[in-house]
């Protein structure tokens, strides 16, 4: 039995919702990432061209960013 990967807030990452977007876009020049989803500006720009595996790998990292923010 495989264990589902976990994203922001410990929620399981499913194919149906492969985005960390919270609908709260807070981008500021003095910040390196969005305060809503915690992705960097580069990651947001690349999101649509990333594979599902790349997206999942990034989403697993986001909770650590939340703790560091």
PDB file of N, CA and C in Angstrom:
ATOM      1  N   UNK A   1       0.844  -1.176   0.000  1.00  0.00           N
ATOM      2  CA  UNK A   1       0.000   0.000   0.000  1.00  0.00           C
ATOM      3  C   UNK A   1       0.891   1.242   0.000  1.00  0.00           C
ATOM      4  N   UNK A   2       0.692   2.122  -0.950  1.00  0.00           N
ATOM      5  CA  UNK A   2       1.519   3.321  -1.014  1.00  0.00           C
ATOM      6  C   UNK A   2       0.920   4.425  -0.149  1.00  0.00           C
ATOM      7  N   UNK A   3       1.808   5.221   0.394  1.00  0.00           N
ATOM      8  CA  UNK A   3       1.397   6.346   1.228  1.00  0.00           C
ATOM      9  C   UNK A   3       1.286   7.574   0.330  1.00  0.00           C
ATOM     10  N   UNK A   4       0.157   8.281   0.379  1.00  0.00           N
ATOM     11  CA  UNK A   4       0.013   9.453  -0.487  1.00  0.00           C
ATOM     12  C   UNK A   4       0.980  10.558  -0.084  1.00  0.00           C
ATOM     13  N   UNK A   5       1.461  11.290  -1.083  1.00  0.00           N
ATOM     14  CA  UNK A   5       2.324  12.422  -0.791  1.00  0.00           C
ATOM     15  C   UNK A   5       1.488  13.499  -0.132  1.00  0.00           C
ATOM     16  N   UNK A   6       2.119  14.316   0.674  1.00  0.00           N
ATOM     17  CA  UNK A   6       1.419  15.363   1.411  1.00  0.00           C
ATOM     18  C   UNK A   6       1.883  16.730   0.944  1.00  0.00           C
ATOM     19  N   UNK A   7       0.956  17.632   0.814  1.00  0.00           N
ATOM     20  CA  UNK A   7       1.257  18.998   0.415  1.00  0.00           C
ATOM     21  C   UNK A   7       1.039  19.946   1.575  1.00  0.00           C
ATOM     22  N   UNK A   8       0.781  21.190   1.250  1.00  0.00           N
ATOM     23  CA  UNK A   8       0.574  22.231   2.239  1.00  0.00           C
ATOM     24  C   UNK A   8      -0.553  21.848   3.198  1.00  0.00           C
ATOM     25  N   UNK A   9      -0.334  21.988   4.474  1.00  0.00           N
ATOM     26  CA  UNK A   9      -1.347  21.654   5.463  1.00  0.00           C
ATOM     27  C   UNK A   9      -1.490  20.172   5.705  1.00  0.00           C
ATOM     28  N   UNK A  10      -0.585  19.355   5.145  1.00  0.00           N
ATOM     29  CA  UNK A  10      -0.631  17.916   5.355  1.00  0.00           C
ATOM     30  C   UNK A  10      -1.677  17.194   4.525  1.00  0.00           C
ATOM     31  N   UNK A  11      -2.318  17.898   3.604  1.00  0.00           N
ATOM     32  CA  UNK A  11      -3.349  17.278   2.768  1.00  0.00           C
ATOM     33  C   UNK A  11      -2.712  16.399   1.695  1.00  0.00           C
ATOM     34  N   UNK A  12      -3.370  15.288   1.403  1.00  0.00           N
ATOM     35  CA  UNK A  12      -2.885  14.398   0.351  1.00  0.00           C
ATOM     36  C   UNK A  12      -2.968  15.115  -0.991  1.00  0.00           C
ATOM     37  N   UNK A  13      -1.957  14.911  -1.821  1.00  0.00           N
ATOM     38  CA  UNK A  13      -1.922  15.508  -3.150  1.00  0.00           C
ATOM     39  C   UNK A  13      -2.576  14.543  -4.124  1.00  0.00           C
ATOM     40  N   UNK A  14      -3.617  14.989  -4.785  1.00  0.00           N
ATOM     41  CA  UNK A  14      -4.295  14.139  -5.751  1.00  0.00           C
ATOM     42  C   UNK A  14      -4.153  14.726  -7.144  1.00  0.00           C
ATOM     43  N   UNK A  15      -4.390  13.917  -8.151  1.00  0.00           N
ATOM     44  CA  UNK A  15      -4.333  14.399  -9.525  1.00  0.00           C
ATOM     45  C   UNK A  15      -5.394  15.457  -9.779  1.00  0.00           C
ATOM     46  N   UNK A  16      -6.518  15.364  -9.090  1.00  0.00           N
ATOM     47  CA  UNK A  16      -7.613  16.299  -9.307  1.00  0.00           C
ATOM     48  C   UNK A  16      -7.221  17.724  -8.931  1.00  0.00           C
ATOM     49  N   UNK A  17      -6.339  17.883  -7.974  1.00  0.00           N
ATOM     50  CA  UNK A  17      -5.951  19.224  -7.533  1.00  0.00           C
ATOM     51  C   UNK A  17      -4.441  19.306  -7.439  1.00  0.00           C
ATOM     52  N   UNK A  18      -3.818  19.425  -8.572  1.00  0.00           N
ATOM     53  CA  UNK A  18      -2.362  19.511  -8.595  1.00  0.00           C
ATOM     54  C   UNK A  18      -1.913  20.962  -8.625  1.00  0.00           C
ATOM     55  N   UNK A  19      -2.322  21.710  -7.631  1.00  0.00           N
ATOM     56  CA  UNK A  19      -1.875  23.087  -7.494  1.00  0.00           C
ATOM     57  C   UNK A  19      -1.899  23.482  -6.029  1.00  0.00           C
ATOM     58  N   UNK A  20      -0.894  24.209  -5.588  1.00  0.00           N
ATOM     59  CA  UNK A  20      -0.906  24.694  -4.222  1.00  0.00           C
ATOM     60  C   UNK A  20      -1.600  26.047  -4.094  1.00  0.00           C
ATOM     61  N   UNK A  21      -2.106  26.560  -5.205  1.00  0.00           N
ATOM     62  CA  UNK A  21      -2.719  27.887  -5.211  1.00  0.00           C
ATOM     63  C   UNK A  21      -3.868  27.943  -4.209  1.00  0.00           C
ATOM     64  N   UNK A  22      -3.850  28.986  -3.392  1.00  0.00           N
ATOM     65  CA  UNK A  22      -4.898  29.180  -2.395  1.00  0.00           C
ATOM     66  C   UNK A  22      -5.874  30.264  -2.813  1.00  0.00           C
ATOM     67  N   UNK A  23      -5.619  30.873  -3.972  1.00  0.00           N
ATOM     68  CA  UNK A  23      -6.470  31.963  -4.443  1.00  0.00           C
ATOM     69  C   UNK A  23      -6.146  33.275  -3.746  1.00  0.00           C
ATOM     70  N   UNK A  24      -5.085  33.302  -2.974  1.00  0.00           N
ATOM     71  CA  UNK A  24      -4.645  34.506  -2.272  1.00  0.00           C
ATOM     72  C   UNK A  24      -3.264  34.855  -2.809  1.00  0.00           C
ATOM     73  N   UNK A  25      -3.230  35.535  -3.930  1.00  0.00           N
ATOM     74  CA  UNK A  25      -1.951  35.900  -4.534  1.00  0.00           C
ATOM     75  C   UNK A  25      -1.409  37.138  -3.843  1.00  0.00           C
ATOM     76  N   UNK A  26      -0.289  36.993  -3.203  1.00  0.00           N
ATOM     77  CA  UNK A  26       0.346  38.101  -2.503  1.00  0.00           C
ATOM     78  C   UNK A  26       1.800  38.158  -2.925  1.00  0.00           C
ATOM     79  N   UNK A  27       2.030  38.849  -4.022  1.00  0.00           N
ATOM     80  CA  UNK A  27       3.376  38.969  -4.568  1.00  0.00           C
ATOM     81  C   UNK A  27       3.890  40.374  -4.281  1.00  0.00           C
ATOM     82  N   UNK A  28       5.028  40.463  -3.668  1.00  0.00           N
ATOM     83  CA  UNK A  28       5.623  41.760  -3.364  1.00  0.00           C
ATOM     84  C   UNK A  28       7.085  41.733  -3.787  1.00  0.00           C
ATOM     85  N   UNK A  29       7.583  42.848  -4.310  1.00  0.00           N
ATOM     86  CA  UNK A  29       8.965  42.886  -4.804  1.00  0.00           C
ATOM     87  C   UNK A  29      10.013  42.502  -3.759  1.00  0.00           C
ATOM     88  N   UNK A  30       9.763  42.818  -2.502  1.00  0.00           N
ATOM     89  CA  UNK A  30      10.747  42.508  -1.465  1.00  0.00           C
ATOM     90  C   UNK A  30      10.703  41.054  -1.012  1.00  0.00           C
ATOM     91  N   UNK A  31       9.740  40.296  -1.502  1.00  0.00           N
ATOM     92  CA  UNK A  31       9.609  38.880  -1.144  1.00  0.00           C
ATOM     93  C   UNK A  31      10.110  38.013  -2.292  1.00  0.00           C
ATOM     94  N   UNK A  32      10.494  36.781  -1.997  1.00  0.00           N
ATOM     95  CA  UNK A  32      10.962  35.874  -3.037  1.00  0.00           C
ATOM     96  C   UNK A  32       9.892  34.878  -3.443  1.00  0.00           C
ATOM     97  N   UNK A  33       8.751  34.904  -2.751  1.00  0.00           N
ATOM     98  CA  UNK A  33       7.698  33.932  -3.031  1.00  0.00           C
ATOM     99  C   UNK A  33       6.321  34.529  -2.739  1.00  0.00           C
ATOM    100  N   UNK A  34       5.296  33.870  -3.233  1.00  0.00           N
ATOM    101  CA  UNK A  34       3.915  34.271  -2.984  1.00  0.00           C
ATOM    102  C   UNK A  34       3.561  33.902  -1.536  1.00  0.00           C
ATOM    103  N   UNK A  35       2.924  34.804  -0.831  1.00  0.00           N
ATOM    104  CA  UNK A  35       2.532  34.528   0.550  1.00  0.00           C
ATOM    105  C   UNK A  35       1.356  33.570   0.630  1.00  0.00           C
ATOM    106  N   UNK A  36       0.603  33.424  -0.463  1.00  0.00           N
ATOM    107  CA  UNK A  36      -0.535  32.506  -0.478  1.00  0.00           C
ATOM    108  C   UNK A  36      -0.132  31.053  -0.695  1.00  0.00           C
ATOM    109  N   UNK A  37       0.648  30.793  -1.753  1.00  0.00           N
ATOM    110  CA  UNK A  37       0.994  29.409  -2.105  1.00  0.00           C
ATOM    111  C   UNK A  37       2.433  29.032  -1.767  1.00  0.00           C
ATOM    112  N   UNK A  38       3.258  30.031  -1.452  1.00  0.00           N
ATOM    113  CA  UNK A  38       4.667  29.840  -1.082  1.00  0.00           C
ATOM    114  C   UNK A  38       5.583  29.451  -2.242  1.00  0.00           C
ATOM    115  N   UNK A  39       5.055  29.485  -3.466  1.00  0.00           N
ATOM    116  CA  UNK A  39       5.931  29.222  -4.612  1.00  0.00           C
ATOM    117  C   UNK A  39       6.723  30.479  -4.944  1.00  0.00           C
ATOM    118  N   UNK A  40       7.929  30.268  -5.498  1.00  0.00           N
ATOM    119  CA  UNK A  40       8.716  31.411  -5.957  1.00  0.00           C
ATOM    120  C   UNK A  40       8.076  31.926  -7.240  1.00  0.00           C
ATOM    121  N   UNK A  41       8.467  33.123  -7.636  1.00  0.00           N
ATOM    122  CA  UNK A  41       7.929  33.686  -8.873  1.00  0.00           C
ATOM    123  C   UNK A  41       8.283  32.804 -10.067  1.00  0.00           C
ATOM    124  N   UNK A  42       9.497  32.266 -10.068  1.00  0.00           N
ATOM    125  CA  UNK A  42       9.922  31.373 -11.152  1.00  0.00           C
ATOM    126  C   UNK A  42       9.054  30.107 -11.192  1.00  0.00           C
ATOM    127  N   UNK A  43       8.763  29.539 -10.025  1.00  0.00           N
ATOM    128  CA  UNK A  43       7.942  28.322  -9.959  1.00  0.00           C
ATOM    129  C   UNK A  43       6.529  28.588 -10.458  1.00  0.00           C
ATOM    130  N   UNK A  44       5.983  29.745 -10.122  1.00  0.00           N
ATOM    131  CA  UNK A  44       4.645  30.106 -10.601  1.00  0.00           C
ATOM    132  C   UNK A  44       4.663  30.219 -12.118  1.00  0.00           C
ATOM    133  N   UNK A  45       5.687  30.861 -12.652  1.00  0.00           N
ATOM    134  CA  UNK A  45       5.794  31.039 -14.108  1.00  0.00           C
ATOM    135  C   UNK A  45       5.953  29.705 -14.826  1.00  0.00           C
ATOM    136  N   UNK A  46       6.680  28.764 -14.236  1.00  0.00           N
ATOM    137  CA  UNK A  46       6.935  27.459 -14.859  1.00  0.00           C
ATOM    138  C   UNK A  46       5.821  26.447 -14.633  1.00  0.00           C
ATOM    139  N   UNK A  47       4.910  26.714 -13.711  1.00  0.00           N
ATOM    140  CA  UNK A  47       3.924  25.727 -13.255  1.00  0.00           C
ATOM    141  C   UNK A  47       3.214  25.017 -14.405  1.00  0.00           C
ATOM    142  N   UNK A  48       2.731  25.752 -15.381  1.00  0.00           N
ATOM    143  CA  UNK A  48       1.953  25.134 -16.464  1.00  0.00           C
ATOM    144  C   UNK A  48       2.786  24.218 -17.353  1.00  0.00           C
ATOM    145  N   UNK A  49       4.098  24.378 -17.353  1.00  0.00           N
ATOM    146  CA  UNK A  49       4.941  23.521 -18.188  1.00  0.00           C
ATOM    147  C   UNK A  49       5.610  22.397 -17.384  1.00  0.00           C
ATOM    148  N   UNK A  50       5.375  22.346 -16.079  1.00  0.00           N
ATOM    149  CA  UNK A  50       5.966  21.296 -15.241  1.00  0.00           C
ATOM    150  C   UNK A  50       5.184  19.996 -15.393  1.00  0.00           C
ATOM    151  N   UNK A  51       5.876  18.886 -15.244  1.00  0.00           N
ATOM    152  CA  UNK A  51       5.199  17.584 -15.259  1.00  0.00           C
ATOM    153  C   UNK A  51       4.490  17.392 -13.918  1.00  0.00           C
ATOM    154  N   UNK A  52       3.577  16.433 -13.864  1.00  0.00           N
ATOM    155  CA  UNK A  52       2.885  16.136 -12.611  1.00  0.00           C
ATOM    156  C   UNK A  52       3.879  15.741 -11.516  1.00  0.00           C
ATOM    157  N   UNK A  53       4.915  14.987 -11.882  1.00  0.00           N
ATOM    158  CA  UNK A  53       5.926  14.580 -10.903  1.00  0.00           C
ATOM    159  C   UNK A  53       6.679  15.791 -10.355  1.00  0.00           C
ATOM    160  N   UNK A  54       7.017  16.738 -11.229  1.00  0.00           N
ATOM    161  CA  UNK A  54       7.697  17.949 -10.780  1.00  0.00           C
ATOM    162  C   UNK A  54       6.796  18.757  -9.842  1.00  0.00           C
ATOM    163  N   UNK A  55       5.520  18.847 -10.192  1.00  0.00           N
ATOM    164  CA  UNK A  55       4.576  19.582  -9.346  1.00  0.00           C
ATOM    165  C   UNK A  55       4.435  18.920  -7.980  1.00  0.00           C
ATOM    166  N   UNK A  56       4.301  17.610  -7.971  1.00  0.00           N
ATOM    167  CA  UNK A  56       4.172  16.888  -6.693  1.00  0.00           C
ATOM    168  C   UNK A  56       5.416  17.089  -5.821  1.00  0.00           C
ATOM    169  N   UNK A  57       6.582  17.000  -6.439  1.00  0.00           N
ATOM    170  CA  UNK A  57       7.830  17.173  -5.693  1.00  0.00           C
ATOM    171  C   UNK A  57       7.900  18.570  -5.075  1.00  0.00           C
ATOM    172  N   UNK A  58       7.491  19.557  -5.813  1.00  0.00           N
ATOM    173  CA  UNK A  58       7.491  20.925  -5.295  1.00  0.00           C
ATOM    174  C   UNK A  58       6.466  21.079  -4.166  1.00  0.00           C
ATOM    175  N   UNK A  59       5.294  20.502  -4.346  1.00  0.00           N
ATOM    176  CA  UNK A  59       4.246  20.630  -3.339  1.00  0.00           C
ATOM    177  C   UNK A  59       4.636  19.976  -2.015  1.00  0.00           C
ATOM    178  N   UNK A  60       5.450  18.943  -2.077  1.00  0.00           N
ATOM    179  CA  UNK A  60       5.929  18.289  -0.860  1.00  0.00           C
ATOM    180  C   UNK A  60       6.863  19.224  -0.091  1.00  0.00           C
ATOM    181  N   UNK A  61       7.573  20.107  -0.800  1.00  0.00           N
ATOM    182  CA  UNK A  61       8.510  21.039  -0.170  1.00  0.00           C
ATOM    183  C   UNK A  61       7.819  22.231   0.490  1.00  0.00           C
ATOM    184  N   UNK A  62       6.639  22.590   0.032  1.00  0.00           N
ATOM    185  CA  UNK A  62       5.993  23.817   0.473  1.00  0.00           C
ATOM    186  C   UNK A  62       5.724  23.893   1.979  1.00  0.00           C
ATOM    187  N   UNK A  63       5.329  22.831   2.636  1.00  0.00           N
ATOM    188  CA  UNK A  63       5.106  22.959   4.096  1.00  0.00           C
ATOM    189  C   UNK A  63       6.365  23.388   4.854  1.00  0.00           C
ATOM    190  N   UNK A  64       7.543  22.976   4.371  1.00  0.00           N
ATOM    191  CA  UNK A  64       8.796  23.395   5.014  1.00  0.00           C
ATOM    192  C   UNK A  64       9.006  24.905   4.842  1.00  0.00           C
ATOM    193  N   UNK A  65       8.611  25.427   3.703  1.00  0.00           N
ATOM    194  CA  UNK A  65       8.733  26.862   3.464  1.00  0.00           C
ATOM    195  C   UNK A  65       7.804  27.637   4.400  1.00  0.00           C
ATOM    196  N   UNK A  66       6.646  27.071   4.640  1.00  0.00           N
ATOM    197  CA  UNK A  66       5.679  27.712   5.533  1.00  0.00           C
ATOM    198  C   UNK A  66       6.260  27.880   6.925  1.00  0.00           C
ATOM    199  N   UNK A  67       6.961  26.875   7.390  1.00  0.00           N
ATOM    200  CA  UNK A  67       7.565  26.913   8.727  1.00  0.00           C
ATOM    201  C   UNK A  67       8.720  27.907   8.781  1.00  0.00           C
ATOM    202  N   UNK A  68       9.406  28.081   7.644  1.00  0.00           N
ATOM    203  CA  UNK A  68      10.553  28.976   7.589  1.00  0.00           C
ATOM    204  C   UNK A  68      10.141  30.436   7.354  1.00  0.00           C
ATOM    205  N   UNK A  69       8.921  30.640   6.860  1.00  0.00           N
ATOM    206  CA  UNK A  69       8.464  31.998   6.517  1.00  0.00           C
ATOM    207  C   UNK A  69       8.151  32.846   7.726  1.00  0.00           C
TER     208      UNK A  69
END
